[in-house]
Protein backbone atom coordinates (compact mmCIF):
# COMPACT_ATOMS: atom_id res chain seq x y z
CA MET A 1 0.00 0.00 0.00
CA ASN A 2 2.86 2.39 0.89
CA VAL A 3 4.54 1.65 -2.45
CA LEU A 4 1.28 2.32 -4.31
CA PHE A 5 0.81 5.59 -2.42
CA PHE A 6 4.39 6.64 -3.21
CA TRP A 7 3.93 6.08 -6.94
CA LEU A 8 0.57 7.87 -6.91
CA VAL A 9 2.06 10.97 -5.26
CA LEU A 10 5.07 10.89 -7.60
CA SER A 11 2.80 10.69 -10.64
CA MET A 12 0.76 13.65 -9.44
CA LEU A 13 3.91 15.73 -8.92
CA VAL A 14 5.20 14.87 -12.39
CA LEU A 15 1.88 15.76 -13.98
CA ALA A 16 1.73 19.03 -12.06
CA SER A 17 5.23 19.97 -13.15
CA CYS A 18 4.26 19.38 -16.77
CA ALA A 19 1.02 21.33 -16.60
CA PRO A 20 1.04 24.49 -18.72
CA ARG A 21 1.03 27.82 -16.94
CA GLN A 22 -2.33 29.54 -16.83
CA GLU A 23 -3.01 31.88 -19.75
CA GLY A 24 -2.47 35.49 -18.81
CA MET A 25 0.21 34.65 -16.25
CA VAL A 26 3.97 34.26 -16.27
CA ARG A 27 6.35 34.15 -13.33
CA ASP A 28 7.33 37.81 -13.81
CA LEU A 29 3.79 38.85 -12.94
CA GLU A 30 3.93 36.84 -9.73
CA VAL A 31 7.33 38.02 -8.47
CA LEU A 32 7.65 41.57 -9.86
CA PRO A 33 5.49 44.14 -8.04
CA GLN A 34 2.98 45.62 -10.47
CA SER A 35 3.61 49.13 -9.21
CA SER A 36 5.72 51.64 -11.12
CA ALA A 37 6.76 53.53 -7.98
CA HIS A 38 8.51 50.39 -6.68
CA TYR A 39 11.24 50.77 -9.31
CA ILE A 40 11.86 54.53 -9.21
CA PRO A 41 12.18 55.55 -5.54
CA GLU A 42 15.15 57.81 -6.28
CA LEU A 43 13.33 59.84 -8.96
CA THR A 44 11.96 62.52 -6.66
CA GLY A 45 12.43 65.69 -8.74
CA GLU A 46 11.80 66.64 -12.35
CA LEU A 47 13.10 64.15 -14.90
CA PHE A 48 13.97 67.04 -17.20
CA SER A 49 13.98 70.79 -16.74
CA LEU A 50 10.85 72.90 -16.92
CA GLU A 51 12.69 75.02 -19.49
CA LYS A 52 13.08 71.93 -21.67
CA GLN A 53 9.43 71.10 -21.12
CA GLY A 54 8.51 74.57 -22.32
CA GLU A 55 10.37 73.94 -25.59
CA LEU A 56 8.65 70.58 -26.03
CA TYR A 57 5.27 72.13 -25.26
CA ARG A 58 5.69 74.76 -27.98
CA ASP A 59 6.41 72.01 -30.51
CA PHE A 60 3.49 70.02 -29.13
CA ARG A 61 1.00 72.84 -29.62
CA GLU A 62 2.11 73.40 -33.19
CA ALA A 63 1.53 69.73 -34.03
CA TYR A 64 -1.60 69.22 -31.91
CA PHE A 65 -3.43 72.21 -33.39
CA GLY A 66 -1.94 71.65 -36.85
CA PRO A 67 -5.20 70.29 -38.33
CA TRP A 68 -6.85 73.66 -37.63
CA THR A 69 -4.10 75.73 -39.24
CA ARG A 70 -2.98 73.84 -42.35
CA SER A 71 -4.27 74.81 -45.79
CA GLU A 72 -4.21 71.33 -47.35
CA PRO A 73 -4.29 67.69 -46.22
CA LYS A 74 -1.14 66.39 -44.56
CA PHE A 75 -1.63 62.85 -45.88
CA GLU A 76 -1.40 61.80 -49.52
CA ALA A 77 -3.99 59.49 -51.08
CA GLN A 78 -1.71 56.43 -50.89
CA GLU A 79 -1.31 56.98 -47.15
CA VAL A 80 -5.03 57.44 -46.58
CA PHE A 81 -6.21 54.51 -48.71
CA TRP A 82 -3.40 52.09 -47.84
CA GLY A 83 -5.95 49.47 -46.79
CA PHE A 84 -6.98 48.77 -50.37
CA ASP A 85 -3.43 47.93 -51.44
CA PHE A 86 -2.90 45.86 -48.30
CA ILE A 87 -6.01 43.74 -48.83
CA ARG A 88 -6.07 43.52 -52.63
CA ASN A 89 -4.04 40.30 -52.97
CA ARG A 90 -4.85 38.75 -49.61
CA GLU A 91 -7.66 36.52 -48.45
CA VAL A 92 -9.29 38.31 -45.54
CA TYR A 93 -11.90 37.24 -43.04
CA LYS A 94 -14.80 39.02 -41.40
CA GLU A 95 -16.25 38.98 -37.88
CA ASN A 96 -17.76 35.52 -38.42
CA TYR A 97 -14.27 34.19 -39.31
CA LEU A 98 -15.48 33.40 -42.83
CA PRO A 99 -13.81 34.80 -45.96
CA ALA A 100 -15.01 38.23 -47.00
CA ASP A 101 -17.52 38.49 -49.83
CA PRO A 102 -15.52 38.80 -53.10
CA ASP A 103 -17.41 42.01 -53.91
CA TRP A 104 -16.82 43.58 -50.50
CA LEU A 105 -13.59 45.38 -51.38
CA GLY A 106 -15.13 46.87 -54.51
CA ARG A 107 -18.07 48.19 -52.51
CA MET A 108 -15.69 49.75 -50.01
CA ARG A 109 -13.71 51.44 -52.78
CA GLN A 110 -16.86 52.84 -54.35
CA GLN A 111 -18.17 54.05 -51.00
CA SER A 112 -14.80 55.71 -50.27
CA ASP A 113 -14.82 57.63 -53.57
CA VAL A 114 -11.06 57.13 -53.79
CA SER A 115 -10.63 59.07 -57.03
CA GLY A 116 -12.41 62.09 -55.53
CA TYR A 117 -9.96 62.59 -52.63
CA PRO A 118 -9.67 65.21 -51.20
CA SER A 119 -13.17 66.67 -51.48
CA ARG A 120 -13.48 68.67 -48.25
CA HIS A 121 -11.49 71.06 -46.08
CA LYS A 122 -13.42 71.46 -42.84
CA ARG A 123 -12.02 72.00 -39.36
CA ALA A 124 -13.63 69.82 -36.70
CA VAL A 125 -13.21 68.37 -33.22
CA THR A 126 -13.97 64.92 -31.85
CA VAL A 127 -16.90 64.97 -29.41
CA ASP A 128 -16.39 61.38 -28.26
CA ASN A 129 -13.55 58.88 -28.11
CA ALA A 130 -13.61 58.02 -31.81
CA ASP A 131 -12.31 54.97 -33.67
CA MET A 132 -10.35 55.99 -36.76
CA ARG A 133 -10.78 53.31 -39.44
CA ALA A 134 -8.81 52.44 -42.58
CA MET A 135 -12.11 51.97 -44.44
CA PRO A 136 -15.59 53.37 -43.76
CA SER A 137 -16.87 50.30 -41.94
CA ARG A 138 -17.24 49.11 -38.38
CA SER A 139 -16.89 45.53 -39.60
CA PRO A 140 -13.41 44.09 -38.90
CA VAL A 141 -10.92 42.59 -41.34
CA PHE A 142 -8.71 39.75 -40.15
CA LEU A 143 -6.04 37.69 -41.83
CA ASP A 144 -6.24 33.91 -41.40
CA PRO A 145 -7.72 33.42 -37.91
CA GLN A 146 -6.01 30.03 -37.67
CA SER A 147 -2.55 31.62 -37.83
CA PRO A 148 -0.92 32.66 -34.54
CA GLY A 149 -0.93 36.42 -34.10
CA GLU A 150 -3.87 36.82 -36.47
CA GLY A 151 -7.64 36.82 -36.03
CA PHE A 152 -9.09 38.63 -33.03
CA PRO A 153 -8.08 41.24 -31.90
CA PHE A 154 -5.96 42.11 -34.95
CA ASP A 155 -8.50 44.03 -37.03
CA TYR A 156 -6.52 45.58 -39.88
CA LEU A 157 -9.08 48.32 -40.40
CA GLN A 158 -8.47 49.79 -36.94
CA ASN A 159 -6.02 52.67 -37.30
CA THR A 160 -6.22 54.27 -33.87
CA LEU A 161 -8.48 55.73 -31.21
CA VAL A 162 -8.74 59.53 -31.14
CA PRO A 163 -9.71 61.00 -27.73
CA ALA A 164 -12.63 63.39 -27.41
CA GLY A 165 -11.57 67.01 -27.75
CA THR A 166 -8.93 66.34 -30.42
CA PRO A 167 -8.52 68.88 -33.27
CA VAL A 168 -9.02 67.24 -36.69
CA LEU A 169 -9.29 68.27 -40.32
CA ILE A 170 -12.02 66.68 -42.45
CA THR A 171 -10.67 66.08 -45.95
CA HIS A 172 -13.21 63.74 -47.55
CA VAL A 173 -16.60 62.06 -47.05
CA THR A 174 -18.19 58.80 -48.17
CA ARG A 175 -20.70 58.78 -51.00
CA ASP A 176 -23.55 58.20 -48.53
CA GLY A 177 -22.29 60.92 -46.17
CA ASP A 178 -22.17 58.58 -43.17
CA TRP A 179 -18.39 58.75 -42.63
CA ALA A 180 -15.85 61.57 -42.71
CA LEU A 181 -12.17 61.14 -43.49
CA ALA A 182 -10.43 63.01 -40.67
CA GLU A 183 -6.78 63.62 -39.89
CA THR A 184 -4.89 64.56 -36.76
CA ASP A 185 -1.21 65.42 -36.99
CA TYR A 186 -0.27 61.76 -36.46
CA ALA A 187 -2.96 59.69 -38.20
CA ALA A 188 -5.78 59.75 -40.74
CA GLY A 189 -8.84 57.57 -41.16
CA TRP A 190 -12.59 57.27 -41.37
CA VAL A 191 -14.66 58.49 -38.40
CA ARG A 192 -18.43 58.33 -37.99
CA TRP A 193 -19.97 61.80 -38.33
CA SER A 194 -21.70 61.36 -34.98
CA GLY A 195 -18.28 61.55 -33.30
CA LEU A 196 -17.35 64.86 -34.94
CA ALA A 197 -18.50 68.47 -34.86
CA LEU A 198 -17.46 71.32 -37.14
CA VAL A 199 -15.63 74.26 -35.56
CA ASP A 200 -15.51 77.95 -36.45
CA ASP A 201 -12.98 80.70 -35.71
CA ASP A 202 -14.65 81.57 -32.41
CA PHE A 203 -14.48 77.97 -31.18
CA VAL A 204 -10.83 77.61 -32.24
CA GLN A 205 -9.89 80.85 -30.49
CA LYS A 206 -11.60 79.81 -27.24
CA PHE A 207 -10.01 76.36 -27.34
CA LYS A 208 -6.47 77.52 -28.12
CA SER A 209 -6.18 80.80 -26.25
CA GLY A 210 -6.31 79.62 -22.65
CA PRO A 211 -4.58 76.92 -20.60
CA LEU A 212 -5.42 73.26 -21.11
CA ALA A 213 -6.22 70.55 -18.58
CA GLY A 214 -5.10 66.95 -18.92
CA PHE A 215 -6.52 63.71 -17.54
CA VAL A 216 -4.05 61.82 -15.36
CA GLN A 217 -6.29 58.79 -14.81
CA ASP A 218 -8.46 56.57 -16.97
CA GLN A 219 -12.17 55.78 -16.67
CA ALA A 220 -13.18 59.31 -15.70
CA PRO A 221 -16.79 60.00 -16.76
CA VAL A 222 -17.24 63.55 -18.06
CA TYR A 223 -20.51 65.44 -17.75
CA THR A 224 -21.86 68.83 -18.70
CA ALA A 225 -22.53 71.19 -15.79
CA GLY A 226 -26.15 70.07 -16.01
CA GLY A 227 -25.21 66.43 -15.48
CA ARG A 228 -25.45 64.99 -19.02
CA HIS A 229 -22.77 62.38 -19.70
CA VAL A 230 -20.76 63.27 -22.80
CA PHE A 231 -17.73 60.93 -22.89
CA THR A 232 -15.16 59.16 -20.73
CA GLY A 233 -11.91 60.91 -19.84
CA ARG A 234 -8.61 59.06 -20.15
CA VAL A 235 -4.88 59.61 -19.88
CA GLY A 236 -3.88 61.52 -23.02
CA MET A 237 -7.08 63.59 -23.27
CA LEU A 238 -6.80 67.39 -23.22
CA LEU A 239 -9.57 69.94 -22.70
CA PRO A 240 -9.63 73.74 -22.30
CA GLN A 241 -9.75 75.03 -18.76
CA GLY A 242 -12.83 76.96 -17.74
CA GLU A 243 -13.12 80.11 -15.67
CA SER A 244 -14.76 78.59 -12.59
CA GLY A 245 -14.06 75.62 -10.36
CA ALA A 246 -10.86 73.85 -9.33
CA LEU A 247 -9.26 71.12 -11.42
CA LYS A 248 -8.47 69.08 -8.31
CA ASP A 249 -12.20 68.88 -7.62
CA GLY A 250 -13.01 67.75 -11.15
CA GLN A 251 -14.32 71.21 -12.09
CA GLY A 252 -13.03 73.99 -14.31
CA ILE A 253 -13.06 72.29 -17.72
CA MET A 254 -14.83 73.08 -20.96
CA VAL A 255 -16.13 70.19 -23.05
CA PRO A 256 -16.94 70.13 -26.78
CA VAL A 257 -20.49 69.10 -27.67
CA ARG A 258 -22.27 68.78 -31.00
CA ASP A 259 -25.42 70.82 -31.62
CA GLU A 260 -28.35 69.86 -33.84
CA HIS A 261 -26.63 71.44 -36.85
CA GLY A 262 -23.41 69.46 -36.41
CA GLN A 263 -21.51 72.47 -35.08
CA ALA A 264 -19.26 72.36 -32.01
CA ALA A 265 -19.83 74.38 -28.87
CA LEU A 266 -17.80 74.58 -25.66
CA VAL A 267 -19.82 74.16 -22.47
CA GLU A 268 -18.84 73.89 -18.82
CA GLY A 269 -18.03 70.35 -17.76
CA LYS A 270 -17.08 68.29 -14.75
CA THR A 271 -15.65 64.92 -13.81
CA ARG A 272 -14.63 63.18 -10.62
CA SER A 273 -12.03 64.72 -8.34
CA GLY A 274 -8.36 63.86 -8.59
CA VAL A 275 -8.21 63.08 -12.31
CA LEU A 276 -7.28 66.49 -13.77
CA GLN A 277 -4.07 68.52 -13.76
CA LYS A 278 -2.96 71.64 -15.55
CA PHE A 279 -1.28 70.71 -18.83
CA PRO A 280 1.56 70.04 -19.34
CA VAL A 281 1.96 68.01 -16.17
CA PRO A 282 5.25 68.50 -14.25
CA PRO A 283 7.58 65.63 -15.28
CA THR A 284 8.17 64.11 -11.84
CA GLY A 285 8.57 60.45 -10.99
CA ASP A 286 5.45 60.58 -8.84
CA ASN A 287 3.36 61.95 -11.69
CA PHE A 288 4.68 59.34 -14.09
CA ALA A 289 4.04 56.52 -11.62
CA GLY A 290 0.51 57.66 -10.88
CA MET A 291 -0.48 57.78 -14.54
CA MET A 292 1.26 54.54 -15.40
CA ASP A 293 -0.37 52.66 -12.55
CA SER A 294 -3.80 53.92 -13.60
CA MET A 295 -3.28 52.07 -16.90
CA LEU A 296 -1.68 48.92 -15.46
CA GLY A 297 -3.79 45.83 -16.02
CA GLN A 298 -5.80 47.43 -18.83
CA ALA A 299 -6.66 44.91 -21.55
CA TYR A 300 -4.54 45.03 -24.69
CA GLY A 301 -6.29 47.13 -27.33
CA TRP A 302 -5.01 46.75 -30.89
CA GLY A 303 -5.29 50.19 -32.49
CA GLY A 304 -7.14 51.47 -29.42
CA MET A 305 -10.03 49.02 -29.83
CA TYR A 306 -12.64 49.16 -27.07
CA GLU A 307 -10.87 52.31 -25.77
CA ASN A 308 -7.91 50.19 -24.64
CA ARG A 309 -4.30 50.60 -25.77
CA ASP A 310 -1.63 48.75 -27.69
CA CYS A 311 2.07 49.23 -26.97
CA SER A 312 2.62 52.45 -28.92
CA ALA A 313 -0.68 54.06 -27.89
CA LEU A 314 0.26 53.46 -24.26
CA LEU A 315 3.49 55.43 -24.62
CA GLN A 316 1.96 58.12 -26.82
CA ASP A 317 -0.78 58.85 -24.28
CA LEU A 318 1.68 58.82 -21.37
CA PHE A 319 4.22 61.20 -22.91
CA ARG A 320 1.52 63.47 -24.29
CA MET A 321 0.68 64.52 -20.74
CA TYR A 322 4.15 66.08 -20.41
CA GLY A 323 3.86 68.05 -23.66
CA ILE A 324 5.76 65.50 -25.77
CA PHE A 325 4.17 64.78 -29.16
CA LEU A 326 5.25 61.18 -29.65
CA PRO A 327 4.30 59.53 -32.97
CA ARG A 328 1.64 56.80 -33.05
CA ASN A 329 3.41 53.66 -34.26
CA SER A 330 6.34 51.78 -32.78
CA ALA A 331 8.82 52.26 -35.64
CA GLN A 332 8.23 56.03 -35.63
CA GLN A 333 8.64 56.15 -31.86
CA LYS A 334 11.99 54.41 -32.18
CA SER A 335 13.10 57.21 -34.53
CA PHE A 336 11.65 60.09 -32.47
CA LYS A 337 15.23 60.81 -31.38
CA GLU A 338 18.52 59.27 -32.50
CA PRO A 339 18.30 55.64 -31.31
CA ILE A 340 21.10 53.65 -29.73
CA SER A 341 21.67 50.39 -31.59
CA LEU A 342 21.63 47.20 -29.54
CA GLU A 343 21.87 44.91 -32.55
CA GLY A 344 24.53 42.23 -32.54
CA LEU A 345 25.08 42.35 -28.78
CA ALA A 346 25.03 39.20 -26.68
CA ARG A 347 22.27 38.97 -24.08
CA GLU A 348 24.37 40.09 -21.10
CA LYS A 349 26.04 42.92 -23.01
CA LYS A 350 22.65 44.12 -24.19
CA LEU A 351 21.26 44.16 -20.65
CA GLU A 352 24.34 46.01 -19.42
CA LYS A 353 24.07 48.65 -22.13
CA ILE A 354 20.39 49.23 -21.39
CA VAL A 355 21.19 49.87 -17.73
CA GLU A 356 24.23 52.00 -18.58
CA LYS A 357 22.66 54.18 -21.28
CA GLY A 358 18.96 54.02 -20.48
CA ARG A 359 17.09 56.69 -18.52
CA PRO A 360 14.27 55.33 -16.36
CA LEU A 361 10.85 56.56 -17.58
CA LEU A 362 12.39 58.33 -20.58
CA SER A 363 13.97 55.53 -22.66
CA ILE A 364 11.97 53.41 -25.09
CA LEU A 365 13.14 49.91 -25.95
CA TYR A 366 12.23 48.84 -29.46
CA MET A 367 11.96 45.54 -31.27
CA PRO A 368 10.19 45.12 -34.61
CA GLY A 369 6.49 45.64 -33.92
CA HIS A 370 6.75 46.40 -30.20
CA VAL A 371 7.89 49.15 -27.82
CA MET A 372 8.44 49.15 -24.05
CA LEU A 373 9.28 51.86 -21.52
CA TYR A 374 12.42 51.26 -19.49
CA LEU A 375 11.50 51.56 -15.79
CA GLY A 376 14.89 50.95 -14.23
CA LYS A 377 16.32 47.98 -12.34
CA ASP A 378 14.41 45.47 -10.28
CA PRO A 379 15.81 45.81 -6.73
CA GLY A 380 15.67 42.04 -6.31
CA SER A 381 17.44 40.83 -9.44
CA ASN A 382 19.26 44.04 -10.45
CA LYS A 383 18.00 43.42 -14.01
CA PRO A 384 16.10 45.89 -16.22
CA VAL A 385 12.32 45.97 -15.99
CA VAL A 386 9.91 47.45 -18.53
CA TYR A 387 6.37 48.80 -18.69
CA HIS A 388 4.38 47.81 -21.77
CA SER A 389 1.11 46.64 -23.26
CA MET A 390 1.68 43.21 -24.77
CA TRP A 391 -0.44 40.60 -26.49
CA GLY A 392 1.52 37.39 -26.02
CA LEU A 393 4.71 35.34 -26.14
CA ARG A 394 5.73 33.00 -28.94
CA THR A 395 5.33 29.33 -28.07
CA SER A 396 5.86 26.07 -29.93
CA ARG A 397 2.91 23.80 -30.74
CA VAL A 398 2.99 20.05 -31.15
CA TRP A 399 2.40 19.03 -34.78
CA HIS A 400 2.47 22.64 -35.95
CA SER A 401 5.26 24.34 -37.86
CA GLU A 402 4.09 27.83 -36.87
CA PRO A 403 4.47 29.10 -33.29
CA GLY A 404 1.51 29.64 -30.97
CA ARG A 405 0.94 32.35 -28.36
CA HIS A 406 0.92 32.41 -24.58
CA ILE A 407 -1.48 35.30 -24.06
CA ILE A 408 -0.67 38.08 -21.59
CA GLY A 409 -3.11 40.53 -23.14
CA ARG A 410 -2.74 43.61 -20.95
CA THR A 411 -0.47 46.38 -19.67
CA VAL A 412 2.16 44.91 -17.36
CA ILE A 413 5.56 45.36 -15.74
CA THR A 414 7.99 42.59 -16.68
CA SER A 415 11.63 41.80 -17.10
CA LEU A 416 13.00 41.55 -20.64
CA GLU A 417 12.57 37.78 -20.38
CA PRO A 418 8.93 37.24 -19.41
CA GLY A 419 7.90 33.61 -19.79
CA ARG A 420 11.45 32.26 -19.66
CA GLU A 421 10.13 29.49 -17.39
CA LEU A 422 7.70 28.25 -20.05
CA ARG A 423 8.82 24.94 -21.47
CA ASN A 424 7.17 25.63 -24.80
CA LEU A 425 8.53 29.17 -25.23
CA VAL A 426 10.18 29.46 -28.64
CA ARG A 427 13.89 30.09 -28.16
CA PRO A 428 15.81 32.24 -28.69
CA GLU A 429 13.31 34.65 -30.29
CA GLY A 430 10.59 34.00 -27.70
CA LEU A 431 12.67 35.96 -25.18
CA LEU A 432 12.07 39.67 -25.72
CA ILE A 433 15.66 40.63 -24.93
CA ASN A 434 16.84 38.68 -27.96
CA ARG A 435 14.62 40.73 -30.28
CA VAL A 436 15.30 44.19 -28.81
CA THR A 437 17.27 46.14 -31.41
CA HIS A 438 17.27 49.80 -30.33
CA MET A 439 16.83 52.15 -27.40
CA THR A 440 15.61 55.73 -27.79
CA THR A 441 15.66 58.34 -25.05
CA VAL A 442 12.74 60.70 -25.62
CA VAL A 443 14.21 63.73 -23.84
CA ASP A 444 17.94 64.48 -23.93
């Protein structure tokens, strides 16, 4: 009986040791505190001078309000209608995971009136958090859903999410008038008219002339003074300050609303206390940590889907609050300043160079298709840790030539080797450190 019991216990232990780790978890998330402040206790003052911030803010305003001042579209037709070239020779799938109707692309091209671009030049503002689409359709487009890293949530029509209160320029409309082609200074795409309102000189003057307020936390419902909900505030959103009420109490903001004629008006607004600061926010470690922690754990949002964030949107929204106009995609963020090359370095040398040359909270680590913010060193292991929104890690699959994915699917703090304990992690490329190629410090 004792022998039988011994073998039973041994078998259970073996089976347990072979069991795959739960989706959404890796050891890093169990041992590394998911709190930004834990890694930056020494960053008590400004990370860069207020004089430098003033320079950055001047550049920011020029770009941010650019759609209201330019005399012609910023984006050429091939940039705006890139989706047609991307899809033309590919089999794509719709929300039911079945191939798209063969006539679908032709209908989209006709609806988009491609040959007529640009047909409008109208200044506008977003009056809700608006999805910016590559084609005038809410319906998604996926590549082969059976391939790892494809299917949900990777909708190739989702360009980005544009926060409420963002200046845009309308350059084109669909044939049925349901969608407007709008551009910010960093992206262009189709937006439903219901999320936009046209602005006039008086509105622009009121919006631009005074100080702005920024949201330093997510999930902040915004109301008119009369109590009507208008949209949800989030890190990265900017609104004009009003003349009455204190920001710390959630008062003193003006919100854009759309009237019955489609025109924009600024009305007094309010939100909950503790989510607003004067913009740009002082670049202190405490301010960074507070904003970053408010976004920790948020579900991964490809292109800003469901008002969540992907890796580059996370960093764009964060740095925006300090008056830094970071581009939208990861490759552009790598080139925002002169990057330091990490290519060709062995693992240990690469880690050493990141610690030696990187600036906590200001250095972006880049690998093709992904960016991460360098937080500093983990006090326990003395190794670099990063803050990022990630989808998953590459894993091997039995009887499959293509790798699978161990899903993380949210904003997390990890080492540069999350999932290294996974037996089925693809090596060496499954370890992030082995794919990191560059480091860019956003502020000198």
